[in-house]
Amino acid sequence: MNLITPVADDPESSAQETIERLLGAGWYVFGDKTAGRARLKPGDRLCFYRSGVGVVAEAEVTDYAERKPPPVKGLVRNIDKFPWAFPVQDARYFSTRPL
């Protein structure tokens, strides 16, 4: 499965900073209502869409999402809004030429 997921700026960081922080640590997170979360499985590819910019990154899912925080302390600022975490690998960034 290939999935595109939107990422928005928040008061503490830009969408790009959030994407790079999470993927750089090898993790990503979803909320309870994120479309496609229940079908996400190892080997799936995610594209990260920044509003007004386009697709700025992509990565491969390496395990199923679990309702628990990633093992990297402080990685997710709003863990109550994004309780589902899963590991990713092979992140590629397109910030200089978004797709």
C-alpha atoms as a PDB file:
ATOM      1  CA  MET A   1       0.000   0.000   0.000  1.00  0.00           C
ATOM      2  CA  ASN A   2       1.136   3.529  -0.725  1.00  0.00           C
ATOM      3  CA  LEU A   3      -0.310   6.246   1.493  1.00  0.00           C
ATOM      4  CA  ILE A   4      -0.031  10.016   1.419  1.00  0.00           C
ATOM      5  CA  THR A   5      -0.333  11.790   4.750  1.00  0.00           C
ATOM      6  CA  PRO A   6      -0.642  15.526   5.365  1.00  0.00           C
ATOM      7  CA  VAL A   7       1.601  17.284   7.866  1.00  0.00           C
ATOM      8  CA  ALA A   8       0.817  20.794   9.110  1.00  0.00           C
ATOM      9  CA  ASP A   9       2.835  23.501  10.793  1.00  0.00           C
ATOM     10  CA  ASP A  10       2.196  23.892  14.517  1.00  0.00           C
ATOM     11  CA  PRO A  11       3.070  26.717  16.925  1.00  0.00           C
ATOM     12  CA  GLU A  12       6.379  25.060  17.885  1.00  0.00           C
ATOM     13  CA  SER A  13       7.727  23.888  14.510  1.00  0.00           C
ATOM     14  CA  SER A  14       7.118  23.820  10.791  1.00  0.00           C
ATOM     15  CA  ALA A  15       5.751  20.737   9.073  1.00  0.00           C
ATOM     16  CA  GLN A  16       9.187  20.202   7.496  1.00  0.00           C
ATOM     17  CA  GLU A  17      10.898  20.303  10.908  1.00  0.00           C
ATOM     18  CA  THR A  18       8.368  17.831  12.316  1.00  0.00           C
ATOM     19  CA  ILE A  19       8.829  15.436   9.397  1.00  0.00           C
ATOM     20  CA  GLU A  20      12.630  15.593   9.598  1.00  0.00           C
ATOM     21  CA  ARG A  21      12.629  15.156  13.405  1.00  0.00           C
ATOM     22  CA  LEU A  22      10.396  12.068  13.300  1.00  0.00           C
ATOM     23  CA  LEU A  23      11.811  10.375  10.209  1.00  0.00           C
ATOM     24  CA  GLY A  24      15.358  11.214  11.300  1.00  0.00           C
ATOM     25  CA  ALA A  25      14.700   9.245  14.490  1.00  0.00           C
ATOM     26  CA  GLY A  26      13.199   6.387  12.442  1.00  0.00           C
ATOM     27  CA  TRP A  27       9.608   6.856  13.617  1.00  0.00           C
ATOM     28  CA  TYR A  28       6.296   8.334  12.564  1.00  0.00           C
ATOM     29  CA  VAL A  29       2.983   8.804  14.372  1.00  0.00           C
ATOM     30  CA  PHE A  30      -0.709   8.914  13.490  1.00  0.00           C
ATOM     31  CA  GLY A  31      -3.890  10.006  15.234  1.00  0.00           C
ATOM     32  CA  ASP A  32      -6.871   7.790  15.984  1.00  0.00           C
ATOM     33  CA  LYS A  33      -8.775   8.981  12.910  1.00  0.00           C
ATOM     34  CA  THR A  34      -5.926   8.877  10.381  1.00  0.00           C
ATOM     35  CA  ALA A  35      -7.211   7.270   7.190  1.00  0.00           C
ATOM     36  CA  GLY A  36      -5.449   4.012   6.318  1.00  0.00           C
ATOM     37  CA  ARG A  37      -3.829   3.567   9.744  1.00  0.00           C
ATOM     38  CA  ALA A  38      -5.482   0.196  10.412  1.00  0.00           C
ATOM     39  CA  ARG A  39      -4.258  -1.222   7.078  1.00  0.00           C
ATOM     40  CA  LEU A  40      -0.669   0.004   7.454  1.00  0.00           C
ATOM     41  CA  LYS A  41       1.867  -2.847   7.361  1.00  0.00           C
ATOM     42  CA  PRO A  42       5.602  -3.437   6.934  1.00  0.00           C
ATOM     43  CA  GLY A  43       6.807  -2.664   3.427  1.00  0.00           C
ATOM     44  CA  ASP A  44       4.191   0.041   2.781  1.00  0.00           C
ATOM     45  CA  ARG A  45       5.427   3.413   1.536  1.00  0.00           C
ATOM     46  CA  LEU A  46       4.359   6.764   2.996  1.00  0.00           C
ATOM     47  CA  CYS A  47       4.524  10.147   1.280  1.00  0.00           C
ATOM     48  CA  PHE A  48       4.417  13.253   3.463  1.00  0.00           C
ATOM     49  CA  TYR A  49       2.451  16.176   2.027  1.00  0.00           C
ATOM     50  CA  ARG A  50       3.071  19.725   3.231  1.00  0.00           C
ATOM     51  CA  SER A  51       0.150  22.036   2.459  1.00  0.00           C
ATOM     52  CA  GLY A  52       0.950  24.610  -0.189  1.00  0.00           C
ATOM     53  CA  VAL A  53       4.286  22.929  -0.964  1.00  0.00           C
ATOM     54  CA  GLY A  54       3.657  19.343  -2.102  1.00  0.00           C
ATOM     55  CA  VAL A  55       5.183  15.984  -1.217  1.00  0.00           C
ATOM     56  CA  VAL A  56       8.337  16.770   0.767  1.00  0.00           C
ATOM     57  CA  ALA A  57       9.421  13.295   1.929  1.00  0.00           C
ATOM     58  CA  GLU A  58       8.743   9.557   1.731  1.00  0.00           C
ATOM     59  CA  ALA A  59       9.706   6.535   3.821  1.00  0.00           C
ATOM     60  CA  GLU A  60       9.087   2.798   4.192  1.00  0.00           C
ATOM     61  CA  VAL A  61       7.060   1.375   7.100  1.00  0.00           C
ATOM     62  CA  THR A  62       8.979  -1.380   8.926  1.00  0.00           C
ATOM     63  CA  ASP A  63       6.428  -2.586  11.502  1.00  0.00           C
ATOM     64  CA  TYR A  64       2.762  -2.321  12.440  1.00  0.00           C
ATOM     65  CA  ALA A  65       1.474   0.779  14.253  1.00  0.00           C
ATOM     66  CA  GLU A  66       1.012   0.368  17.983  1.00  0.00           C
ATOM     67  CA  ARG A  67      -0.882   2.578  20.383  1.00  0.00           C
ATOM     68  CA  LYS A  68       2.134   3.579  22.438  1.00  0.00           C
ATOM     69  CA  PRO A  69       4.725   6.346  22.191  1.00  0.00           C
ATOM     70  CA  PRO A  70       7.926   5.779  20.238  1.00  0.00           C
ATOM     71  CA  PRO A  71      10.878   4.725  22.413  1.00  0.00           C
ATOM     72  CA  VAL A  72      12.642   8.051  21.735  1.00  0.00           C
ATOM     73  CA  LYS A  73      11.816  10.305  24.673  1.00  0.00           C
ATOM     74  CA  GLY A  74      10.343  13.696  23.752  1.00  0.00           C
ATOM     75  CA  LEU A  75      10.080  12.905  20.038  1.00  0.00           C
ATOM     76  CA  VAL A  76       6.318  13.579  19.834  1.00  0.00           C
ATOM     77  CA  ARG A  77       5.082  16.830  21.355  1.00  0.00           C
ATOM     78  CA  ASN A  78       1.327  16.080  21.218  1.00  0.00           C
ATOM     79  CA  ILE A  79       1.291  12.385  22.042  1.00  0.00           C
ATOM     80  CA  ASP A  80      -2.386  12.617  23.090  1.00  0.00           C
ATOM     81  CA  LYS A  81      -3.285  13.701  19.517  1.00  0.00           C
ATOM     82  CA  PHE A  82      -0.931  11.175  17.856  1.00  0.00           C
ATOM     83  CA  PRO A  83      -0.935   8.000  19.984  1.00  0.00           C
ATOM     84  CA  TRP A  84      -0.125   5.490  17.191  1.00  0.00           C
ATOM     85  CA  ALA A  85       3.599   5.045  16.494  1.00  0.00           C
ATOM     86  CA  PHE A  86       5.468   2.885  14.017  1.00  0.00           C
ATOM     87  CA  PRO A  87       9.074   2.626  12.821  1.00  0.00           C
ATOM     88  CA  VAL A  88      10.160   3.745   9.350  1.00  0.00           C
ATOM     89  CA  GLN A  89      13.345   3.487   7.304  1.00  0.00           C
ATOM     90  CA  ASP A  90      14.918   4.745   4.080  1.00  0.00           C
ATOM     91  CA  ALA A  91      13.525   8.274   4.385  1.00  0.00           C
ATOM     92  CA  ARG A  92      14.052  10.518   1.375  1.00  0.00           C
ATOM     93  CA  TYR A  93      13.472  14.263   1.459  1.00  0.00           C
ATOM     94  CA  PHE A  94      12.331  16.457  -1.423  1.00  0.00           C
ATOM     95  CA  SER A  95      12.492  19.861   0.269  1.00  0.00           C
ATOM     96  CA  THR A  96      14.537  21.448  -2.499  1.00  0.00           C
ATOM     97  CA  ARG A  97      12.211  20.117  -5.233  1.00  0.00           C
ATOM     98  CA  PRO A  98       8.891  18.908  -3.758  1.00  0.00           C
ATOM     99  CA  LEU A  99       6.896  16.511  -5.911  1.00  0.00           C
END
